[in-house]
N, C-alpha and C. Protein backbone atom coordinates (compact mmCIF):
# COMPACT_ATOMS: atom_id res chain seq x y z
N UNK A 1 -13.66 -15.97 -10.72
CA UNK A 1 -12.39 -16.59 -10.38
C UNK A 1 -11.29 -15.43 -9.73
N UNK A 2 -10.66 -15.64 -8.30
CA UNK A 2 -9.80 -14.88 -7.71
C UNK A 2 -8.99 -16.24 -7.37
N UNK A 3 -7.50 -15.40 -7.74
CA UNK A 3 -6.01 -15.78 -7.07
C UNK A 3 -5.58 -15.31 -5.72
N UNK A 4 -5.39 -16.22 -4.61
CA UNK A 4 -5.31 -15.84 -3.19
C UNK A 4 -3.81 -16.11 -3.35
N UNK A 5 -2.89 -14.97 -2.65
CA UNK A 5 -1.03 -14.91 -2.75
C UNK A 5 -0.60 -14.63 -1.36
N UNK A 6 -0.09 -16.01 -0.88
CA UNK A 6 -0.16 -16.38 0.55
C UNK A 6 1.46 -16.14 0.59
N UNK A 7 1.69 -15.48 1.87
CA UNK A 7 3.62 -16.08 2.20
C UNK A 7 3.73 -15.81 3.48
N UNK A 8 3.85 -17.14 3.96
CA UNK A 8 3.44 -17.90 5.59
C UNK A 8 2.20 -17.36 5.79
N UNK A 9 1.59 -17.34 6.81
CA UNK A 9 0.34 -16.74 7.42
C UNK A 9 -0.23 -15.57 6.98
N UNK A 10 0.42 -14.65 6.11
CA UNK A 10 -0.19 -13.38 5.80
C UNK A 10 -0.68 -13.84 4.52
N UNK A 11 -2.01 -13.24 3.75
CA UNK A 11 -2.42 -13.04 2.93
C UNK A 11 -1.56 -11.54 2.00
N UNK A 12 -1.10 -11.97 1.45
CA UNK A 12 -0.70 -10.75 0.47
C UNK A 12 -1.35 -9.61 -0.69
N UNK A 13 -2.50 -10.87 -1.77
CA UNK A 13 -2.87 -10.48 -2.71
C UNK A 13 -4.07 -11.27 -2.89
N UNK A 14 -4.87 -10.17 -3.59
CA UNK A 14 -6.35 -11.21 -3.96
C UNK A 14 -6.55 -10.87 -5.44
N UNK A 15 -6.06 -11.75 -6.21
CA UNK A 15 -6.38 -11.08 -7.33
C UNK A 15 -7.51 -11.60 -8.51
N UNK A 16 -8.18 -10.89 -8.84
CA UNK A 16 -9.41 -11.44 -9.64
C UNK A 16 -9.40 -11.59 -11.06
N UNK A 17 -8.60 -12.58 -11.38
CA UNK A 17 -7.96 -13.39 -12.75
C UNK A 17 -8.85 -15.00 -12.82
N UNK A 18 -8.60 -15.36 -14.07
CA UNK A 18 -9.31 -16.46 -14.23
C UNK A 18 -8.21 -17.76 -14.73
N UNK A 19 -7.23 -16.62 -15.10
CA UNK A 19 -5.92 -17.77 -15.55
C UNK A 19 -4.85 -16.70 -15.41
N UNK A 20 -3.69 -17.28 -15.43
CA UNK A 20 -2.03 -16.87 -15.04
C UNK A 20 -0.85 -17.72 -15.91
N UNK A 21 -0.20 -17.39 -16.47
CA UNK A 21 1.49 -18.21 -16.69
C UNK A 21 2.03 -18.13 -15.44
N UNK A 22 2.99 -18.88 -14.81
CA UNK A 22 4.21 -18.75 -14.09
C UNK A 22 5.74 -19.55 -15.45
N UNK A 23 6.57 -18.50 -15.19
CA UNK A 23 7.50 -19.24 -15.96
C UNK A 23 8.58 -18.50 -15.61
N UNK A 24 10.07 -19.49 -15.80
CA UNK A 24 10.76 -19.10 -14.99
C UNK A 24 11.86 -19.77 -16.45
N UNK A 25 12.97 -19.51 -15.35
CA UNK A 25 14.46 -20.26 -16.09
C UNK A 25 15.26 -21.16 -15.30
N UNK A 26 15.77 -22.01 -15.75
CA UNK A 26 16.28 -22.95 -15.23
C UNK A 26 17.59 -22.44 -14.66
N UNK A 27 17.84 -22.73 -13.37
CA UNK A 27 19.08 -21.76 -13.08
C UNK A 27 20.29 -22.66 -13.11
N UNK A 28 20.88 -23.66 -13.91
CA UNK A 28 21.82 -24.23 -14.57
C UNK A 28 21.83 -24.16 -15.70
N UNK A 29 20.95 -25.00 -16.74
CA UNK A 29 20.80 -24.76 -18.33
C UNK A 29 20.30 -23.29 -19.06
N UNK A 30 19.52 -22.65 -17.91
CA UNK A 30 19.47 -21.24 -18.81
C UNK A 30 18.43 -21.71 -19.63
N UNK A 31 17.52 -22.47 -19.71
CA UNK A 31 16.29 -22.52 -20.43
C UNK A 31 15.03 -22.09 -19.69
N UNK A 32 14.29 -21.67 -20.47
CA UNK A 32 13.18 -20.97 -19.79
C UNK A 32 11.96 -22.34 -20.09
N UNK A 33 11.49 -22.62 -18.72
CA UNK A 33 9.58 -22.95 -18.83
C UNK A 33 8.70 -22.02 -18.42
N UNK A 34 7.53 -22.56 -19.06
CA UNK A 34 6.55 -21.99 -18.86
C UNK A 34 5.07 -23.01 -18.09
N UNK A 35 3.93 -22.24 -17.49
CA UNK A 35 3.06 -23.43 -17.74
C UNK A 35 1.89 -22.43 -17.54
N UNK A 36 0.97 -22.94 -18.22
CA UNK A 36 -0.39 -21.83 -17.76
C UNK A 36 -1.52 -22.47 -16.94
N UNK A 37 -1.92 -21.67 -16.67
CA UNK A 37 -3.21 -22.37 -15.46
C UNK A 37 -4.29 -21.74 -15.14
N UNK A 38 -5.58 -22.40 -14.76
CA UNK A 38 -6.87 -22.49 -15.00
C UNK A 38 -7.44 -22.16 -13.22
N UNK A 39 -7.83 -20.84 -13.24
CA UNK A 39 -8.39 -20.94 -11.74
C UNK A 39 -9.83 -21.42 -11.54
N UNK A 40 -9.84 -22.76 -11.06
CA UNK A 40 -11.21 -22.77 -10.86
C UNK A 40 -12.37 -23.42 -9.22
N UNK A 41 -13.28 -23.46 -9.43
CA UNK A 41 -13.75 -23.84 -8.01
C UNK A 41 -12.95 -24.99 -7.39
N UNK A 42 -12.51 -26.01 -8.20
CA UNK A 42 -11.59 -27.13 -7.66
C UNK A 42 -10.42 -26.77 -7.15
N UNK A 43 -9.90 -25.80 -7.80
CA UNK A 43 -8.59 -25.57 -7.21
C UNK A 43 -7.37 -25.07 -8.67
N UNK A 44 -6.70 -25.32 -8.78
CA UNK A 44 -5.65 -24.94 -9.84
C UNK A 44 -5.48 -25.67 -11.09
N UNK A 45 -5.93 -25.63 -12.06
CA UNK A 45 -5.82 -26.78 -13.11
C UNK A 45 -5.30 -26.02 -14.44
N UNK A 46 -3.41 -26.95 -14.69
CA UNK A 46 -2.46 -26.90 -15.20
C UNK A 46 -3.17 -27.44 -16.98
N UNK A 47 -2.97 -26.22 -17.41
CA UNK A 47 -3.62 -26.10 -18.76
C UNK A 47 -2.60 -26.61 -20.24
N UNK A 48 -1.30 -26.10 -20.29
CA UNK A 48 -0.05 -27.05 -20.70
C UNK A 48 1.11 -26.17 -20.26
N UNK A 49 1.94 -27.05 -20.68
CA UNK A 49 3.24 -26.40 -20.04
C UNK A 49 4.85 -26.30 -21.34
N UNK A 50 5.23 -25.50 -21.34
CA UNK A 50 6.10 -25.01 -22.90
C UNK A 50 7.78 -25.75 -21.84
N UNK A 51 8.70 -26.05 -22.79
CA UNK A 51 10.23 -25.67 -22.85
C UNK A 51 10.59 -25.73 -24.14
N UNK A 52 11.65 -24.29 -23.83
CA UNK A 52 12.11 -23.73 -24.92
C UNK A 52 13.37 -24.41 -24.41
N UNK A 53 13.36 -25.88 -25.18
CA UNK A 53 15.37 -26.44 -25.23
C UNK A 53 15.45 -27.36 -24.50
N UNK A 54 16.16 -28.41 -24.11
CA UNK A 54 16.33 -29.48 -23.35
C UNK A 54 17.99 -29.10 -23.14
N UNK A 55 18.14 -29.89 -21.95
CA UNK A 55 19.07 -30.09 -21.16
C UNK A 55 19.60 -31.50 -20.16
N UNK A 56 20.51 -31.06 -19.32
CA UNK A 56 20.84 -32.34 -18.69
C UNK A 56 19.54 -32.12 -17.67
N UNK A 57 18.73 -33.42 -17.47
CA UNK A 57 17.17 -33.50 -16.43
C UNK A 57 16.13 -32.77 -16.91
N UNK A 58 16.36 -32.51 -18.14
CA UNK A 58 15.08 -31.54 -18.82
C UNK A 58 14.27 -31.79 -20.14
N UNK A 59 14.06 -33.16 -19.68
CA UNK A 59 14.04 -33.67 -21.25
C UNK A 59 12.25 -33.64 -20.95
N UNK A 60 11.73 -33.08 -22.82
CA UNK A 60 10.27 -33.14 -22.64
C UNK A 60 9.55 -34.11 -22.13
N UNK A 61 8.16 -34.86 -21.67
CA UNK A 61 7.70 -35.74 -21.55
C UNK A 61 7.23 -36.54 -22.65
N UNK A 62 7.09 -37.74 -22.60
CA UNK A 62 6.54 -38.15 -23.99
C UNK A 62 5.33 -37.99 -24.46
N UNK A 63 5.01 -37.89 -25.67
CA UNK A 63 3.96 -37.13 -26.08
C UNK A 63 4.12 -35.23 -26.22
N UNK A 64 5.34 -34.73 -25.79
CA UNK A 64 5.31 -33.44 -26.35
C UNK A 64 5.57 -33.22 -27.20
N UNK A 65 5.28 -32.03 -28.33
CA UNK A 65 5.20 -31.70 -29.40
C UNK A 65 6.08 -30.71 -29.78
N UNK A 66 6.92 -30.72 -30.55
CA UNK A 66 8.17 -29.89 -30.65
C UNK A 66 7.29 -28.27 -32.01
N UNK A 67 7.37 -27.50 -31.63
CA UNK A 67 6.67 -26.49 -32.44
C UNK A 67 7.32 -25.33 -32.49
N UNK A 68 8.30 -24.32 -33.72
CA UNK A 68 8.97 -23.85 -33.76
C UNK A 68 10.20 -23.76 -32.39
N UNK A 69 10.89 -24.68 -32.04
CA UNK A 69 11.98 -24.84 -31.25
C UNK A 69 11.11 -25.04 -29.78
N UNK A 70 10.05 -25.45 -29.80
CA UNK A 70 9.64 -25.13 -28.51
C UNK A 70 8.70 -26.33 -28.29
N UNK A 71 8.88 -26.56 -27.05
CA UNK A 71 8.24 -28.06 -26.75
C UNK A 71 7.15 -27.84 -25.80
N UNK A 72 5.70 -28.45 -26.23
CA UNK A 72 4.57 -28.35 -25.74
C UNK A 72 4.13 -29.49 -25.07
N UNK A 73 3.63 -29.38 -24.17
CA UNK A 73 2.91 -30.97 -23.63
C UNK A 73 2.14 -30.17 -22.58
N UNK A 74 1.39 -31.40 -22.16
CA UNK A 74 0.47 -31.20 -21.04
C UNK A 74 0.56 -31.94 -19.91
N UNK A 75 0.60 -31.60 -18.66
CA UNK A 75 1.12 -32.47 -17.76
C UNK A 75 0.19 -33.00 -17.63
N UNK A 76 0.32 -34.26 -16.59
CA UNK A 76 -0.55 -35.51 -16.54
C UNK A 76 -0.88 -35.69 -14.47
N UNK A 77 -0.94 -33.79 -14.50
CA UNK A 77 -1.44 -33.89 -12.98
C UNK A 77 -2.74 -33.12 -12.80
N UNK A 78 -3.61 -33.87 -11.86
CA UNK A 78 -4.84 -33.29 -11.55
C UNK A 78 -4.79 -31.96 -11.03
N UNK A 79 -5.89 -31.37 -10.69
CA UNK A 79 -6.29 -30.18 -10.37
C UNK A 79 -5.17 -30.27 -8.37
N UNK A 80 -4.69 -29.18 -8.93
CA UNK A 80 -3.87 -28.92 -7.05
C UNK A 80 -4.88 -27.76 -6.58
N UNK A 81 -4.44 -28.09 -5.06
CA UNK A 81 -4.55 -26.98 -4.14
C UNK A 81 -4.07 -26.37 -3.81
N UNK A 82 -2.92 -26.05 -4.16
CA UNK A 82 -2.15 -24.97 -4.49
C UNK A 82 -0.88 -24.98 -4.74
N UNK A 83 0.05 -23.85 -5.46
CA UNK A 83 1.55 -24.12 -5.78
C UNK A 83 1.85 -23.75 -5.08
N UNK A 84 3.19 -24.22 -4.56
CA UNK A 84 3.98 -23.55 -3.73
C UNK A 84 5.15 -23.08 -4.38
N UNK A 85 5.46 -21.48 -4.16
CA UNK A 85 6.79 -21.34 -4.99
C UNK A 85 8.06 -21.17 -4.70
N UNK A 86 9.02 -22.07 -4.48
CA UNK A 86 10.71 -21.57 -3.11
C UNK A 86 11.05 -20.49 -4.24
N UNK A 87 11.35 -19.78 -3.57
CA UNK A 87 12.44 -18.91 -4.23
C UNK A 87 13.98 -18.34 -3.57
N UNK A 88 14.75 -17.90 -4.46
CA UNK A 88 15.70 -17.47 -3.77
C UNK A 88 16.56 -16.12 -4.08
N UNK A 89 17.50 -15.68 -3.36
CA UNK A 89 17.86 -13.97 -4.42
C UNK A 89 18.85 -14.61 -5.24
N UNK A 90 19.23 -16.22 -5.21
CA UNK A 90 20.15 -16.53 -6.09
C UNK A 90 20.28 -17.10 -7.34
N UNK A 91 18.60 -16.99 -7.57
CA UNK A 91 18.22 -17.02 -8.74
C UNK A 91 17.17 -15.93 -9.63
N UNK A 92 17.09 -15.73 -10.62
CA UNK A 92 16.11 -14.67 -11.29
C UNK A 92 14.70 -15.51 -10.67
N UNK A 93 13.49 -14.06 -10.51
CA UNK A 93 12.22 -14.62 -9.90
C UNK A 93 11.06 -15.25 -10.79
N UNK A 94 10.83 -16.03 -10.21
CA UNK A 94 9.68 -16.11 -11.30
C UNK A 94 8.78 -14.62 -12.10
N UNK A 95 8.38 -15.27 -13.15
CA UNK A 95 7.47 -14.24 -13.81
C UNK A 95 6.23 -14.87 -13.78
N UNK A 96 5.54 -13.66 -13.50
CA UNK A 96 4.13 -13.72 -13.55
C UNK A 96 3.36 -13.05 -14.67
N UNK A 97 2.44 -13.60 -15.61
CA UNK A 97 1.84 -12.92 -16.59
C UNK A 97 0.32 -13.54 -16.51
N UNK A 98 -0.02 -12.49 -16.86
CA UNK A 98 -1.67 -12.19 -16.72
C UNK A 98 -2.11 -11.34 -18.08
N UNK A 99 -2.93 -12.45 -19.06
CA UNK A 99 -3.14 -10.98 -20.54
C UNK A 99 -2.31 -10.96 -21.41
N UNK A 100 -1.13 -11.61 -21.07
CA UNK A 100 0.35 -11.41 -21.93
C UNK A 100 1.42 -10.61 -21.33
N UNK A 101 0.74 -10.02 -20.38
CA UNK A 101 1.61 -8.99 -19.36
C UNK A 101 2.28 -9.88 -18.74
N UNK A 102 3.69 -9.68 -18.43
CA UNK A 102 4.51 -10.35 -17.66
C UNK A 102 5.30 -9.66 -16.53
N UNK A 103 5.77 -10.19 -15.28
CA UNK A 103 5.94 -9.33 -14.43
C UNK A 103 6.94 -10.23 -13.52
N UNK A 104 7.60 -9.76 -12.66
CA UNK A 104 8.42 -10.54 -11.73
C UNK A 104 7.35 -10.96 -10.54
N UNK A 105 7.42 -12.03 -10.19
CA UNK A 105 6.36 -12.22 -9.12
C UNK A 105 6.47 -10.87 -8.00
N UNK A 106 7.88 -10.41 -7.57
CA UNK A 106 7.90 -9.72 -6.74
C UNK A 106 7.39 -8.64 -7.26
N UNK A 107 7.45 -8.30 -8.50
CA UNK A 107 6.51 -6.47 -9.18
C UNK A 107 5.10 -6.99 -8.86
N UNK A 108 4.67 -8.29 -9.35
CA UNK A 108 3.24 -8.56 -9.58
C UNK A 108 2.56 -8.72 -7.73
N UNK A 109 3.35 -9.28 -7.11
CA UNK A 109 2.75 -8.74 -5.80
C UNK A 109 3.82 -8.46 -4.40
N UNK A 110 3.32 -6.82 -4.38
CA UNK A 110 4.07 -5.57 -3.70
C UNK A 110 4.10 -6.29 -2.27
N UNK A 111 5.16 -6.24 -1.74
CA UNK A 111 5.29 -6.91 -0.02
C UNK A 111 5.95 -8.10 -0.27
N UNK A 112 6.14 -8.97 -1.57
CA UNK A 112 6.77 -10.21 -1.44
C UNK A 112 8.20 -9.65 -1.52
N UNK A 113 8.68 -10.28 -0.82
CA UNK A 113 10.11 -10.45 -1.03
C UNK A 113 10.84 -11.89 -1.56
N UNK A 114 11.79 -11.31 -2.34
CA UNK A 114 12.59 -12.42 -3.22
C UNK A 114 13.17 -13.63 -3.12
N UNK A 115 13.64 -13.36 -1.62
CA UNK A 115 13.84 -14.94 -0.95
C UNK A 115 12.65 -15.08 -0.15
N UNK A 116 11.45 -14.94 -0.04
CA UNK A 116 9.85 -15.71 0.38
C UNK A 116 9.61 -16.53 -0.37
N UNK A 117 8.75 -17.55 0.22
CA UNK A 117 8.12 -18.83 -0.06
C UNK A 117 7.15 -18.22 -0.79
N UNK A 118 6.26 -18.37 -2.08
CA UNK A 118 4.63 -18.36 -2.16
C UNK A 118 3.88 -19.33 -2.28
N UNK A 119 2.65 -18.93 -1.80
CA UNK A 119 1.89 -20.32 -2.00
C UNK A 119 0.54 -19.54 -3.06
N UNK A 120 0.37 -20.20 -3.82
CA UNK A 120 -0.77 -19.29 -4.88
C UNK A 120 -2.02 -20.79 -4.55
N UNK A 121 -3.26 -20.09 -4.12
CA UNK A 121 -4.46 -20.35 -3.97
C UNK A 121 -5.26 -19.97 -5.00
N UNK A 122 -6.25 -21.25 -5.48
CA UNK A 122 -7.89 -21.06 -5.40
C UNK A 122 -8.78 -20.15 -4.47
N UNK A 123 -8.82 -18.90 -4.77
CA UNK A 123 -9.77 -18.56 -3.09
C UNK A 123 -11.13 -18.65 -3.14
N UNK A 124 -11.70 -19.53 -2.07
CA UNK A 124 -13.35 -19.82 -1.92
C UNK A 124 -13.52 -18.35 -2.32
N UNK A 125 -15.02 -18.72 -3.35
CA UNK A 125 -15.56 -17.78 -3.65
C UNK A 125 -16.22 -16.95 -2.47
N UNK A 126 -16.64 -17.54 -1.51
CA UNK A 126 -17.41 -16.90 -0.43
C UNK A 126 -16.68 -16.66 0.76
N UNK A 127 -15.31 -16.57 0.86
CA UNK A 127 -14.03 -16.45 1.56
C UNK A 127 -14.04 -15.14 2.18
N UNK A 128 -14.30 -14.96 3.47
CA UNK A 128 -14.05 -13.14 3.59
C UNK A 128 -12.61 -13.02 2.97
N UNK A 129 -11.64 -13.68 2.73
CA UNK A 129 -10.14 -13.26 2.01
C UNK A 129 -10.72 -12.67 0.94
N UNK A 130 -11.23 -12.60 -0.05
CA UNK A 130 -11.74 -12.02 -1.15
C UNK A 130 -12.04 -10.76 -0.76
N UNK A 131 -12.07 -9.94 -0.11
CA UNK A 131 -12.76 -8.82 -0.03
C UNK A 131 -11.72 -7.66 -0.72
N UNK A 132 -12.53 -6.96 -1.40
CA UNK A 132 -11.91 -5.78 -2.03
C UNK A 132 -10.99 -5.14 -2.06
N UNK A 133 -10.68 -5.17 -0.45
CA UNK A 133 -9.76 -4.08 0.06
C UNK A 133 -8.31 -4.64 0.36
N UNK A 134 -8.19 -5.82 -0.23
CA UNK A 134 -6.60 -6.20 -0.43
C UNK A 134 -6.02 -5.73 -0.99
N UNK A 135 -4.68 -5.99 -0.89
CA UNK A 135 -3.82 -5.61 -1.94
C UNK A 135 -4.36 -6.51 -3.32
N UNK A 136 -3.75 -5.63 -4.22
CA UNK A 136 -3.95 -6.38 -5.64
C UNK A 136 -2.72 -5.75 -6.75
């Protein structure tokens, strides 16, 4: 599978990966959130989410399990066509992790400015956007 990363109308990267983790720190409570995603022909599927603590408005959902101080749960959302990431220079950037290696989204996707929104989409397998000459 391949993940396409867009900023506005510009395709910035095509990444030949099958899954990834998005992580961020809540801007007020300073608590880390993580989401594991899988890329499928149907779109983006969330596998698991984790919250490393609790805070105002950050309660883990019903059915979440506390393991080693981290809440684990399976969000009850279906396959997503895309993930829209609002970003700001006022808060730390998202972390984008593949195979256990994490970098900020700006480091992982060259050309993506810190205050630029990003859209993550499962690339159609037969789309010309999957050409290997795109930035990776």
